[in-house]
Protein backbone atom coordinates (compact mmCIF):
# COMPACT_ATOMS: atom_id res chain seq x y z
CA MET A 1 -44.08 52.42 47.00
CA THR A 2 -47.44 53.87 48.03
CA VAL A 3 -50.20 54.00 45.46
CA THR A 4 -53.81 54.84 45.13
CA GLU A 5 -55.99 52.43 43.25
CA THR A 6 -57.03 53.52 39.79
CA ALA A 7 -60.35 52.71 38.19
CA ALA A 8 -58.51 51.07 35.29
CA GLU A 9 -56.99 48.33 37.40
CA ARG A 10 -58.25 47.20 40.77
CA LEU A 11 -55.36 46.17 42.94
CA LEU A 12 -55.61 43.00 44.99
CA ARG A 13 -54.81 42.56 48.64
CA ILE A 14 -52.48 39.76 49.66
CA GLY A 15 -55.34 37.52 50.82
CA GLU A 16 -57.10 37.88 47.48
CA VAL A 17 -53.95 36.89 45.61
CA ALA A 18 -53.42 33.92 47.90
CA ARG A 19 -57.02 32.69 47.53
CA GLY A 20 -57.03 33.25 43.78
CA ALA A 21 -53.82 31.30 43.33
CA GLY A 22 -54.65 28.62 45.88
CA VAL A 23 -51.65 29.32 48.09
CA SER A 24 -51.09 30.65 51.59
CA VAL A 25 -50.51 34.30 52.39
CA ARG A 26 -47.12 33.18 53.67
CA ALA A 27 -46.25 31.84 50.21
CA VAL A 28 -47.15 35.18 48.61
CA ARG A 29 -44.92 36.98 51.13
CA TYR A 30 -42.12 34.51 50.37
CA TYR A 31 -42.37 35.21 46.64
CA GLU A 32 -42.12 38.90 47.41
CA GLN A 33 -39.07 38.35 49.66
CA GLN A 34 -37.42 36.36 46.87
CA GLY A 35 -37.94 39.25 44.45
CA LEU A 36 -40.38 37.28 42.32
CA LEU A 37 -43.41 39.41 43.07
CA VAL A 38 -43.69 43.15 43.63
CA ALA A 39 -46.20 44.66 46.01
CA GLU A 40 -47.23 48.23 46.08
CA ARG A 41 -48.46 49.76 49.34
CA SER A 42 -51.76 51.39 50.14
CA PRO A 43 -51.73 54.64 52.12
CA SER A 44 -52.35 52.49 55.22
CA GLY A 45 -49.42 50.21 54.38
CA GLN A 46 -51.30 47.15 53.07
CA ARG A 47 -49.66 45.14 50.33
CA LEU A 48 -51.42 45.58 46.99
CA TYR A 49 -50.78 43.53 43.87
CA ARG A 50 -51.68 43.93 40.23
CA GLN A 51 -54.30 41.60 38.75
CA ASP A 52 -51.62 39.55 37.00
CA ALA A 53 -50.21 38.49 40.38
CA VAL A 54 -52.64 35.53 40.56
CA PRO A 55 -51.51 33.80 37.34
CA LEU A 56 -47.94 34.72 38.17
CA VAL A 57 -48.15 33.01 41.58
CA ARG A 58 -49.68 29.94 39.90
CA PHE A 59 -46.70 29.97 37.51
CA PHE A 60 -44.32 30.10 40.49
CA GLN A 61 -46.10 27.13 42.05
CA GLN A 62 -45.79 25.11 38.84
CA MET A 63 -42.11 25.93 38.47
CA PHE A 64 -41.35 25.09 42.12
CA ALA A 65 -43.24 21.80 41.71
CA ALA A 66 -41.11 21.07 38.65
CA GLY A 67 -37.96 21.54 40.72
CA LEU A 68 -36.86 25.04 39.76
CA THR A 69 -35.29 27.29 42.37
CA SER A 70 -36.47 30.81 43.10
CA ARG A 71 -33.28 32.08 41.46
CA ARG A 72 -34.05 30.15 38.27
CA ILE A 73 -37.64 31.37 38.31
CA ALA A 74 -36.35 34.94 38.65
CA GLU A 75 -34.28 34.32 35.52
CA LEU A 76 -37.46 33.26 33.70
CA LEU A 77 -39.46 36.35 34.66
CA PRO A 78 -38.13 38.61 31.89
CA CYS A 79 -39.26 35.96 29.39
CA TRP A 80 -42.71 35.89 31.05
CA ASP A 81 -42.96 39.69 31.14
CA THR A 82 -41.82 40.53 27.62
CA GLY A 83 -42.18 37.34 25.62
CA HIS A 84 -38.67 37.92 24.32
CA THR A 85 -35.50 36.00 25.07
CA ASP A 86 -31.86 36.14 24.20
CA THR A 87 -29.74 33.15 23.20
CA GLU A 88 -28.67 32.39 26.78
CA GLN A 89 -32.24 32.55 28.09
CA ARG A 90 -33.50 30.25 25.32
CA ALA A 91 -30.76 27.74 26.13
CA MET A 92 -31.73 27.86 29.81
CA LEU A 93 -35.42 27.42 28.95
CA ARG A 94 -34.65 24.42 26.75
CA ALA A 95 -32.42 22.87 29.41
CA GLU A 96 -35.15 23.23 32.04
CA ARG A 97 -37.70 21.81 29.63
CA ASP A 98 -35.46 18.80 28.90
CA ARG A 99 -34.92 18.23 32.63
CA ILE A 100 -38.66 18.37 33.31
CA GLN A 101 -39.41 16.09 30.34
CA ALA A 102 -36.98 13.51 31.73
CA LYS A 103 -38.80 13.73 35.05
CA VAL A 104 -42.15 13.26 33.30
CA ASP A 105 -40.77 10.25 31.42
CA ASP A 106 -39.58 8.68 34.69
CA LEU A 107 -42.96 9.29 36.29
CA GLN A 108 -44.74 7.81 33.26
CA ALA A 109 -42.56 4.69 33.50
CA ALA A 110 -43.44 4.35 37.19
CA LEU A 111 -47.12 4.82 36.37
CA ASP A 112 -46.91 2.14 33.68
CA ARG A 113 -45.33 -0.29 36.14
CA LEU A 114 -48.03 0.40 38.71
CA ASP A 115 -50.69 -0.19 36.06
CA GLU A 116 -49.07 -3.56 35.31
CA ILE A 117 -49.11 -4.52 38.99
CA ILE A 118 -52.71 -3.39 39.35
CA ALA A 119 -53.71 -5.46 36.32
CA ILE A 120 -51.97 -8.53 37.74
CA THR A 121 -53.48 -8.10 41.21
CA ASP A 122 -56.95 -7.51 39.75
CA THR A 123 -56.87 -11.04 38.34
CA HIS A 124 -55.86 -12.59 41.65
CA PRO A 125 -58.08 -12.21 44.71
């Protein structure tokens, strides 16, 4: 889709989105290929993104870091966009939250053990 930039919303080029989100241009292209992000095109063919692309890409990064797949993230997008969910979406959100919380709990246990070892080794030269 080719667009012209309106005064109401300045569109961002791919490099601006990447810098703003702290990711590579390649990552932004990947999100577009996965159907997670939509680019419009300038008359010269450059990718242009809405202002909300930066927080959206940060969200993708967080979800990937938490172990979600691009398919699962795509399932979350309607919830992000509208703020509304159906019963199935809420169940999926809760299941992902529970999975992530279990991961956090495991990491906290590992951190606690490391703190114990550090405390022991601090008392012995």
